[in-house]
């Protein structure tokens, strides 16, 4: 299992994002309940976007999880930056 830090940059369609947000959050809650999502939330300033920290067996599995996100389905994510992350210290490290 690998850990990935994912940065979403949203497009400018805040009205569509607002409409799809409940479904997006339900999807992320499901990932969290399944143990795949450690944390997620929007950035407080700058470009609209969010940070997600996810477990996945490999990059292909991660890409499948991201593609199933309702925000991705609706084309609301203008850019996705993915980095594999080596978690060493903290409560998430103890959980893994």
C-alpha atoms as a PDB file:
ATOM      1  CA  UNK A   1       0.000   0.000   0.000  1.00  0.00           C
ATOM      2  CA  UNK A   2       1.299   3.450  -0.895  1.00  0.00           C
ATOM      3  CA  UNK A   3       0.278   6.843   0.463  1.00  0.00           C
ATOM      4  CA  UNK A   4      -0.392   9.678  -1.973  1.00  0.00           C
ATOM      5  CA  UNK A   5      -0.773  13.408  -1.431  1.00  0.00           C
ATOM      6  CA  UNK A   6      -3.178  14.747  -4.037  1.00  0.00           C
ATOM      7  CA  UNK A   7      -3.737  18.403  -4.774  1.00  0.00           C
ATOM      8  CA  UNK A   8      -6.863  19.334  -6.676  1.00  0.00           C
ATOM      9  CA  UNK A   9      -7.101  22.721  -8.383  1.00  0.00           C
ATOM     10  CA  UNK A  10     -10.714  23.483  -9.220  1.00  0.00           C
ATOM     11  CA  UNK A  11     -11.999  25.351 -12.216  1.00  0.00           C
ATOM     12  CA  UNK A  12     -13.899  28.608 -11.739  1.00  0.00           C
ATOM     13  CA  UNK A  13     -17.429  27.145 -11.817  1.00  0.00           C
ATOM     14  CA  UNK A  14     -18.218  27.626  -8.130  1.00  0.00           C
ATOM     15  CA  UNK A  15     -21.963  27.283  -8.775  1.00  0.00           C
ATOM     16  CA  UNK A  16     -21.546  23.783 -10.226  1.00  0.00           C
ATOM     17  CA  UNK A  17     -19.092  22.868  -7.441  1.00  0.00           C
ATOM     18  CA  UNK A  18     -21.652  23.964  -4.855  1.00  0.00           C
ATOM     19  CA  UNK A  19     -24.332  21.797  -6.490  1.00  0.00           C
ATOM     20  CA  UNK A  20     -22.112  18.682  -6.686  1.00  0.00           C
ATOM     21  CA  UNK A  21     -20.374  19.168  -3.305  1.00  0.00           C
ATOM     22  CA  UNK A  22     -22.783  17.000  -1.231  1.00  0.00           C
ATOM     23  CA  UNK A  23     -22.233  14.023  -3.561  1.00  0.00           C
ATOM     24  CA  UNK A  24     -18.460  14.690  -3.618  1.00  0.00           C
ATOM     25  CA  UNK A  25     -18.311  14.732   0.187  1.00  0.00           C
ATOM     26  CA  UNK A  26     -20.405  11.563   0.450  1.00  0.00           C
ATOM     27  CA  UNK A  27     -17.951   9.872  -1.913  1.00  0.00           C
ATOM     28  CA  UNK A  28     -14.983  11.010   0.175  1.00  0.00           C
ATOM     29  CA  UNK A  29     -16.696   9.881   3.402  1.00  0.00           C
ATOM     30  CA  UNK A  30     -17.080   6.449   1.829  1.00  0.00           C
ATOM     31  CA  UNK A  31     -13.356   6.366   1.050  1.00  0.00           C
ATOM     32  CA  UNK A  32     -12.594   7.420   4.628  1.00  0.00           C
ATOM     33  CA  UNK A  33     -14.907   4.748   6.042  1.00  0.00           C
ATOM     34  CA  UNK A  34     -13.154   2.151   3.850  1.00  0.00           C
ATOM     35  CA  UNK A  35      -9.765   3.298   5.178  1.00  0.00           C
ATOM     36  CA  UNK A  36      -8.502   4.702   1.866  1.00  0.00           C
ATOM     37  CA  UNK A  37      -8.764   8.408   2.742  1.00  0.00           C
ATOM     38  CA  UNK A  38      -6.789   9.759   5.695  1.00  0.00           C
ATOM     39  CA  UNK A  39      -7.863  13.372   5.297  1.00  0.00           C
ATOM     40  CA  UNK A  40      -9.277  15.874   2.850  1.00  0.00           C
ATOM     41  CA  UNK A  41     -10.279  19.490   2.837  1.00  0.00           C
ATOM     42  CA  UNK A  42     -10.310  22.688   0.808  1.00  0.00           C
ATOM     43  CA  UNK A  43      -7.527  25.225   0.869  1.00  0.00           C
ATOM     44  CA  UNK A  44      -8.398  28.296   2.936  1.00  0.00           C
ATOM     45  CA  UNK A  45      -6.801  30.784   0.535  1.00  0.00           C
ATOM     46  CA  UNK A  46      -5.359  31.123  -2.963  1.00  0.00           C
ATOM     47  CA  UNK A  47      -6.644  29.185  -5.952  1.00  0.00           C
ATOM     48  CA  UNK A  48      -9.759  27.121  -5.274  1.00  0.00           C
ATOM     49  CA  UNK A  49      -8.729  23.549  -4.569  1.00  0.00           C
ATOM     50  CA  UNK A  50      -8.169  20.871  -1.958  1.00  0.00           C
ATOM     51  CA  UNK A  51      -5.640  18.459  -0.493  1.00  0.00           C
ATOM     52  CA  UNK A  52      -6.377  14.755  -0.137  1.00  0.00           C
ATOM     53  CA  UNK A  53      -4.176  12.103   1.489  1.00  0.00           C
ATOM     54  CA  UNK A  54      -5.051   8.622   0.271  1.00  0.00           C
ATOM     55  CA  UNK A  55      -3.859   5.022   0.552  1.00  0.00           C
ATOM     56  CA  UNK A  56      -3.902   2.935  -2.616  1.00  0.00           C
ATOM     57  CA  UNK A  57      -2.120  -0.219  -3.739  1.00  0.00           C
ATOM     58  CA  UNK A  58      -0.519   1.661  -6.650  1.00  0.00           C
ATOM     59  CA  UNK A  59      -0.912   4.681  -8.909  1.00  0.00           C
ATOM     60  CA  UNK A  60      -3.404   2.931 -11.203  1.00  0.00           C
ATOM     61  CA  UNK A  61      -5.691   2.182  -8.247  1.00  0.00           C
ATOM     62  CA  UNK A  62      -5.348   5.777  -7.033  1.00  0.00           C
ATOM     63  CA  UNK A  63      -6.243   7.093 -10.486  1.00  0.00           C
ATOM     64  CA  UNK A  64      -9.383   4.934 -10.443  1.00  0.00           C
ATOM     65  CA  UNK A  65     -10.409   6.354  -7.053  1.00  0.00           C
ATOM     66  CA  UNK A  66      -9.852   9.915  -8.276  1.00  0.00           C
ATOM     67  CA  UNK A  67     -11.736   9.299 -11.527  1.00  0.00           C
ATOM     68  CA  UNK A  68     -14.777   8.109  -9.553  1.00  0.00           C
ATOM     69  CA  UNK A  69     -14.952  11.392  -7.596  1.00  0.00           C
ATOM     70  CA  UNK A  70     -18.111  13.290  -8.589  1.00  0.00           C
ATOM     71  CA  UNK A  71     -16.031  16.471  -8.972  1.00  0.00           C
ATOM     72  CA  UNK A  72     -13.914  14.652 -11.581  1.00  0.00           C
ATOM     73  CA  UNK A  73     -17.006  13.244 -13.290  1.00  0.00           C
ATOM     74  CA  UNK A  74     -18.386  16.775 -13.660  1.00  0.00           C
ATOM     75  CA  UNK A  75     -15.071  18.152 -14.952  1.00  0.00           C
ATOM     76  CA  UNK A  76     -14.637  20.501 -11.976  1.00  0.00           C
ATOM     77  CA  UNK A  77     -10.980  19.616 -11.403  1.00  0.00           C
ATOM     78  CA  UNK A  78      -8.781  21.722 -13.667  1.00  0.00           C
ATOM     79  CA  UNK A  79      -5.539  20.131 -12.466  1.00  0.00           C
ATOM     80  CA  UNK A  80      -4.537  17.188 -10.285  1.00  0.00           C
ATOM     81  CA  UNK A  81      -1.050  16.994  -8.803  1.00  0.00           C
ATOM     82  CA  UNK A  82      -0.115  13.636  -7.279  1.00  0.00           C
ATOM     83  CA  UNK A  83       2.951  12.784  -5.234  1.00  0.00           C
ATOM     84  CA  UNK A  84       3.695   9.528  -3.488  1.00  0.00           C
ATOM     85  CA  UNK A  85       4.383  10.392   0.131  1.00  0.00           C
ATOM     86  CA  UNK A  86       6.574   8.644   2.713  1.00  0.00           C
ATOM     87  CA  UNK A  87       4.727   9.103   5.987  1.00  0.00           C
ATOM     88  CA  UNK A  88       7.035   8.635   8.962  1.00  0.00           C
ATOM     89  CA  UNK A  89       5.662  10.430  12.015  1.00  0.00           C
ATOM     90  CA  UNK A  90       2.216  11.235  13.366  1.00  0.00           C
ATOM     91  CA  UNK A  91      -1.116   9.562  14.035  1.00  0.00           C
ATOM     92  CA  UNK A  92      -1.583   8.527  10.406  1.00  0.00           C
ATOM     93  CA  UNK A  93       1.769   6.713  10.556  1.00  0.00           C
ATOM     94  CA  UNK A  94       0.625   4.751  13.611  1.00  0.00           C
ATOM     95  CA  UNK A  95      -2.583   3.771  11.793  1.00  0.00           C
ATOM     96  CA  UNK A  96      -0.783   2.420   8.715  1.00  0.00           C
END
